[in-house]
Structures are given as structure tokens and as C-alpha cells.
Amino acid sequence: QVQLMESGGGSVQAGGSLRLSCQFSGIPLRLNGMRWYRQAPGRKREMVAAITTGGSSDYADFVEGRFTVSRDNAKDMVYLQMNNRKFEDAAVYYCATDYNGCWIWGQGTEVTVAG
């Protein structure tokens, strides 16, 4: 059974940095592509970043070069490094993967941005 668990959320000053982590379990991480999503209050969930099994990455336009997604297959971990955070980055962040046609989600980790 594939399970995901995010950590690393919290409050960060505007312009500051934060790294989110996603622990992957159930099967080897190296077999799966991974995505980060976020959902702010009153808004739809949106994709933030994606990373393939080969390590290629893709980002939403609003990232504007501020975030970096990475993976450590040996540790079954996926990361989202977020720099130069903006107020509009405040949201609950989720990691997710498509496993055999079903999307598996973590419980989310909340990030707030202080002025």
C-alpha cells in the first residue's frame, strides 16, 4: 500500500525560504513520478511542481523559478525547496503520486506567510 506523509510546513516571512518533505512508503520511490500540489482557502487545488522517475522537473507558471523539486530515491523522500516566498504562497501543500491509475495523496502540510 502506497502512503505519503508531508512535513516541514510552518510560518515563514515573506521573502524567506522553507523546505517541504514527503516521505514515500509502500513501494520503492524510484518507480514513481511525484507531484506537489497546494490548496489555499476558498481556492481549487493546483499543481505546483512535478518530478519524473528520471529526475526531470516541471513547474507551474506562478513558481517563477522560486521553487525546486527534488527526490532522494535511496531515502524514499521528495522535497520542495521554496525560496522568496510570497503571501499568495500560503496554502496547504500536498505530495501526490499516480499509482496504478489511482492518485494517492498525503495529508498535507500547512504553510503560512507572515508579513
Protein backbone atom coordinates (compact mmCIF):
# COMPACT_ATOMS: atom_id res chain seq x y z
CA GLN A 1 0.00 0.00 0.00
CA VAL A 2 1.49 3.32 -1.08
CA GLN A 3 1.47 6.02 1.57
CA LEU A 4 2.69 9.60 1.56
CA MET A 5 3.43 11.88 4.50
CA GLU A 6 4.37 15.53 4.20
CA SER A 7 6.29 17.55 6.75
CA GLY A 8 8.13 20.83 7.03
CA GLY A 9 5.27 23.29 6.91
CA GLY A 10 5.05 26.32 9.17
CA SER A 11 5.18 30.09 9.16
CA VAL A 12 7.77 31.90 7.11
CA GLN A 13 8.40 35.57 6.49
CA ALA A 14 7.67 36.94 3.06
CA GLY A 15 10.84 36.57 1.05
CA GLY A 16 12.01 33.70 3.21
CA SER A 17 12.66 30.06 2.46
CA LEU A 18 11.18 26.76 3.54
CA ARG A 19 11.72 23.14 2.53
CA LEU A 20 8.88 20.67 2.50
CA SER A 21 9.47 16.93 2.65
CA CYS A 22 7.37 14.00 1.53
CA GLN A 23 8.05 10.52 2.87
CA PHE A 24 7.03 7.83 0.40
CA SER A 25 6.36 4.26 1.54
CA GLY A 26 4.89 1.04 0.26
CA ILE A 27 6.95 0.52 -2.87
CA PRO A 28 10.32 1.96 -3.93
CA LEU A 29 10.05 5.66 -4.71
CA ARG A 30 12.22 5.21 -7.80
CA LEU A 31 9.27 3.57 -9.57
CA ASN A 32 7.02 6.62 -9.35
CA GLY A 33 6.79 10.14 -10.62
CA MET A 34 5.76 12.61 -7.93
CA ARG A 35 3.91 15.91 -7.76
CA TRP A 36 3.42 18.71 -5.30
CA TYR A 37 0.06 20.46 -5.14
CA ARG A 38 -1.31 23.22 -2.98
CA GLN A 39 -4.72 24.46 -1.93
CA ALA A 40 -5.42 27.84 -0.39
CA PRO A 41 -8.67 28.57 1.46
CA GLY A 42 -11.52 29.09 -0.98
CA ARG A 43 -9.43 28.08 -3.97
CA LYS A 44 -9.05 24.99 -6.11
CA ARG A 45 -6.16 22.63 -5.60
CA GLU A 46 -3.41 23.43 -8.08
CA MET A 47 -0.24 21.71 -9.16
CA VAL A 48 2.99 23.32 -8.03
CA ALA A 49 5.74 21.02 -9.30
CA ALA A 50 6.32 17.58 -10.73
CA ILE A 51 9.34 15.32 -10.95
CA THR A 52 9.67 12.20 -13.07
CA THR A 53 11.34 8.92 -12.20
CA GLY A 54 14.34 10.14 -14.18
CA GLY A 55 14.55 13.40 -12.24
CA SER A 56 13.13 15.77 -14.86
CA SER A 57 11.05 18.52 -13.32
CA ASP A 58 8.25 20.82 -14.32
CA TYR A 59 6.69 23.79 -12.55
CA ALA A 60 3.55 25.87 -12.57
CA ASP A 61 3.95 29.31 -14.10
CA PHE A 62 3.44 31.05 -10.75
CA VAL A 63 6.59 29.42 -9.36
CA GLU A 64 8.70 31.78 -11.49
CA GLY A 65 11.96 30.00 -10.63
CA ARG A 66 11.50 30.29 -6.87
CA PHE A 67 10.88 26.60 -6.06
CA THR A 68 12.91 23.46 -6.69
CA VAL A 69 11.56 19.91 -6.54
CA SER A 70 13.98 17.06 -5.91
CA ARG A 71 13.99 13.43 -4.94
CA ASP A 72 16.23 11.07 -2.99
CA ASN A 73 15.30 7.56 -4.04
CA ALA A 74 17.65 5.99 -1.52
CA LYS A 75 15.69 7.66 1.29
CA ASP A 76 12.28 7.47 -0.42
CA MET A 77 11.96 11.21 0.01
CA VAL A 78 10.74 14.01 -2.21
CA TYR A 79 11.42 17.66 -1.41
CA LEU A 80 10.10 21.06 -2.37
CA GLN A 81 12.52 23.89 -1.67
CA MET A 82 10.64 27.17 -1.67
CA ASN A 83 12.54 30.44 -1.78
CA ASN A 84 11.43 34.07 -1.94
CA ARG A 85 8.01 33.17 -0.66
CA LYS A 86 5.09 35.45 -1.39
CA PHE A 87 1.88 36.00 0.55
CA GLU A 88 -0.04 34.14 -2.13
CA ASP A 89 2.05 31.02 -1.47
CA ALA A 90 0.18 30.43 1.80
CA ALA A 91 -1.69 27.14 1.42
CA VAL A 92 -1.81 23.51 2.43
CA TYR A 93 0.78 21.66 0.36
CA TYR A 94 0.30 18.04 -0.67
CA CYS A 95 2.52 15.50 -2.33
CA ALA A 96 0.83 13.02 -4.64
CA THR A 97 1.54 10.17 -6.99
CA ASP A 98 -0.37 8.22 -9.60
CA TYR A 99 -0.14 4.57 -8.58
CA ASN A 100 -1.72 2.07 -10.97
CA GLY A 101 -4.20 4.68 -12.18
CA CYS A 102 -5.20 5.89 -8.72
CA TRP A 103 -3.98 9.12 -7.22
CA ILE A 104 -2.53 8.76 -3.76
CA TRP A 105 -2.31 11.87 -1.56
CA GLY A 106 -0.63 12.76 1.67
CA GLN A 107 -2.47 14.51 4.49
CA GLY A 108 -0.92 17.87 3.64
CA THR A 109 1.28 20.33 5.46
CA GLU A 110 0.24 23.94 6.01
CA VAL A 111 2.41 26.88 5.11
CA THR A 112 1.62 30.43 6.15
CA VAL A 113 3.45 33.58 5.11
CA ALA A 114 3.94 36.39 7.60
CA GLY A 115 4.47 39.98 6.70
